[in-house]
Amino acid sequence: MIQRIQTVWWLASAILLALFCFLPIFETNGFKVSFLETGIAQFPSITTVAITILVSVVNVFLFKNRKIQLQLGLLLLLLHLGIFILIAIFYSALKGEGIISIQPWIFLPVLSFFFQLLALRGVRKDEALVKSMDRLR
């Protein structure tokens, strides 16, 4: 489980998303606002990020079933797209309140998305390796 590189990618992705929840991503009128402090779409944002973190961690322990890992990996990519949409909604809601400066922490979900892609690549490589070993028998 830990020997596989995709384990590292999934755990790093979960850690980055957890940090993203609490670090400020926008600053407006002198106030720094984190992703979970929004009044608009608070329930969808919390649930989307929590499900994404949970599925990333669960995916680590499904190392014996690579097909389910691939399916959950694709689900994680869709959940990341949902997070990007929620960030855009959050930004448009704050845009009406005044000048907004974007903090560097806003790019953590993009890095997390990249880590998810690397984890899927690792699972596909493992699947190809197993198939090549089956051909040799």
Protein backbone atom coordinates (compact mmCIF):
# COMPACT_ATOMS: atom_id res chain seq x y z
CA MET A 1 0.00 0.00 0.00
CA ILE A 2 2.60 2.58 1.03
CA GLN A 3 5.07 1.23 -1.54
CA ARG A 4 2.94 2.52 -4.38
CA ILE A 5 3.49 6.07 -5.57
CA GLN A 6 -0.23 6.72 -6.03
CA THR A 7 -0.65 6.38 -2.27
CA VAL A 8 1.62 9.39 -1.84
CA TRP A 9 -0.29 11.34 -4.50
CA TRP A 10 -3.70 10.62 -2.96
CA LEU A 11 -2.55 11.52 0.54
CA ALA A 12 -0.87 14.70 -0.71
CA SER A 13 -4.06 15.62 -2.54
CA ALA A 14 -6.15 15.11 0.59
CA ILE A 15 -3.73 17.18 2.69
CA LEU A 16 -3.74 20.03 0.14
CA LEU A 17 -7.54 20.11 0.08
CA ALA A 18 -7.69 20.12 3.88
CA LEU A 19 -5.31 23.08 3.93
CA PHE A 20 -7.34 24.79 1.22
CA CYS A 21 -10.43 24.70 3.43
CA PHE A 22 -8.89 26.81 6.16
CA LEU A 23 -6.38 29.07 4.42
CA PRO A 24 -7.63 32.42 3.06
CA ILE A 25 -8.16 32.44 -0.68
CA PHE A 26 -9.58 35.95 -1.15
CA GLU A 27 -9.08 39.30 0.53
CA THR A 28 -11.79 41.91 0.26
CA ASN A 29 -12.03 45.19 2.16
CA GLY A 30 -9.21 44.13 4.46
CA PHE A 31 -10.85 40.83 5.41
CA LYS A 32 -9.35 37.52 4.41
CA VAL A 33 -11.93 34.92 3.47
CA SER A 34 -11.39 31.17 3.35
CA PHE A 35 -13.32 28.75 1.17
CA LEU A 36 -15.50 27.46 4.00
CA GLU A 37 -16.41 30.91 5.35
CA THR A 38 -18.71 31.76 2.48
CA GLY A 39 -22.35 32.48 3.15
CA ILE A 40 -23.27 31.41 -0.37
CA ALA A 41 -23.25 27.70 -1.12
CA GLN A 42 -21.67 26.82 2.21
CA PHE A 43 -23.25 23.36 2.46
CA PRO A 44 -22.29 22.30 -1.09
CA SER A 45 -18.74 23.56 -0.64
CA ILE A 46 -18.23 21.75 2.66
CA THR A 47 -19.72 18.51 1.39
CA THR A 48 -17.83 18.57 -1.91
CA VAL A 49 -14.47 19.12 -0.24
CA ALA A 50 -15.20 16.62 2.55
CA ILE A 51 -16.28 13.91 0.09
CA THR A 52 -13.21 14.57 -2.06
CA ILE A 53 -10.87 14.25 0.93
CA LEU A 54 -12.65 11.15 2.19
CA VAL A 55 -12.63 9.38 -1.18
CA SER A 56 -8.94 10.21 -1.65
CA VAL A 57 -8.08 8.59 1.67
CA VAL A 58 -10.37 5.59 1.06
CA ASN A 59 -8.81 5.10 -2.36
CA VAL A 60 -5.46 4.49 -0.68
CA PHE A 61 -6.85 1.41 1.08
CA LEU A 62 -8.38 -0.08 -2.06
CA PHE A 63 -4.98 -1.14 -3.38
CA LYS A 64 -6.15 -4.71 -4.09
CA ASN A 65 -8.89 -3.58 -6.47
CA ARG A 66 -7.40 -1.36 -9.14
CA LYS A 67 -10.59 -1.15 -11.21
CA ILE A 68 -12.48 0.44 -8.33
CA GLN A 69 -9.51 2.74 -7.75
CA LEU A 70 -9.74 3.90 -11.37
CA GLN A 71 -13.47 4.54 -11.07
CA LEU A 72 -13.08 6.44 -7.81
CA GLY A 73 -10.16 8.35 -9.34
CA LEU A 74 -12.41 9.55 -12.16
CA LEU A 75 -15.05 10.49 -9.57
CA LEU A 76 -12.38 12.49 -7.73
CA LEU A 77 -11.56 14.39 -10.92
CA LEU A 78 -15.25 15.28 -11.31
CA LEU A 79 -15.41 16.39 -7.67
CA HIS A 80 -12.39 18.63 -8.27
CA LEU A 81 -14.22 20.21 -11.19
CA GLY A 82 -17.11 20.84 -8.79
CA ILE A 83 -14.71 22.56 -6.41
CA PHE A 84 -13.48 24.77 -9.26
CA ILE A 85 -17.08 25.72 -10.07
CA LEU A 86 -17.77 26.54 -6.41
CA ILE A 87 -14.67 28.76 -6.32
CA ALA A 88 -15.96 30.61 -9.38
CA ILE A 89 -19.37 31.07 -7.72
CA PHE A 90 -17.68 32.28 -4.55
CA TYR A 91 -15.54 34.74 -6.52
CA SER A 92 -18.51 36.14 -8.42
CA ALA A 93 -20.44 36.62 -5.16
CA LEU A 94 -17.55 38.51 -3.59
CA LYS A 95 -16.91 40.54 -6.71
CA GLY A 96 -20.02 42.62 -6.04
CA GLU A 97 -18.73 43.61 -2.60
CA GLY A 98 -15.69 45.54 -3.76
CA ILE A 99 -12.08 45.03 -4.69
CA ILE A 100 -10.90 41.46 -4.35
CA SER A 101 -7.34 40.26 -4.20
CA ILE A 102 -6.67 36.61 -4.82
CA GLN A 103 -4.37 34.86 -2.36
CA PRO A 104 -1.86 32.23 -3.55
CA TRP A 105 -3.69 29.48 -1.63
CA ILE A 106 -6.39 29.46 -4.29
CA PHE A 107 -4.15 27.28 -6.45
CA LEU A 108 -4.05 24.38 -3.97
CA PRO A 109 -7.04 22.59 -5.62
CA VAL A 110 -5.27 22.84 -8.99
CA LEU A 111 -2.21 21.16 -7.49
CA SER A 112 -4.47 18.59 -5.85
CA PHE A 113 -6.13 17.92 -9.22
CA PHE A 114 -2.67 17.38 -10.73
CA PHE A 115 -1.82 14.91 -7.94
CA GLN A 116 -5.05 13.02 -8.69
CA LEU A 117 -3.99 12.73 -12.32
CA LEU A 118 -0.59 11.38 -11.26
CA ALA A 119 -2.27 8.83 -8.98
CA LEU A 120 -4.49 7.64 -11.82
CA ARG A 121 -1.44 7.33 -14.02
CA GLY A 122 0.18 5.13 -11.36
CA VAL A 123 -2.87 2.87 -11.13
CA ARG A 124 -2.93 2.49 -14.91
CA LYS A 125 0.76 1.57 -14.89
CA ASP A 126 0.12 -1.06 -12.20
CA GLU A 127 -2.77 -2.47 -14.22
CA ALA A 128 -0.60 -2.66 -17.34
CA LEU A 129 2.16 -4.39 -15.37
CA VAL A 130 -0.25 -7.01 -14.03
CA LYS A 131 -1.64 -7.63 -17.52
CA SER A 132 1.86 -8.04 -18.95
CA MET A 133 2.73 -10.56 -16.23
CA ASP A 134 -0.45 -12.53 -17.02
CA ARG A 135 0.68 -12.79 -20.63
CA LEU A 136 3.96 -14.36 -19.56
CA ARG A 137 2.32 -17.24 -17.72
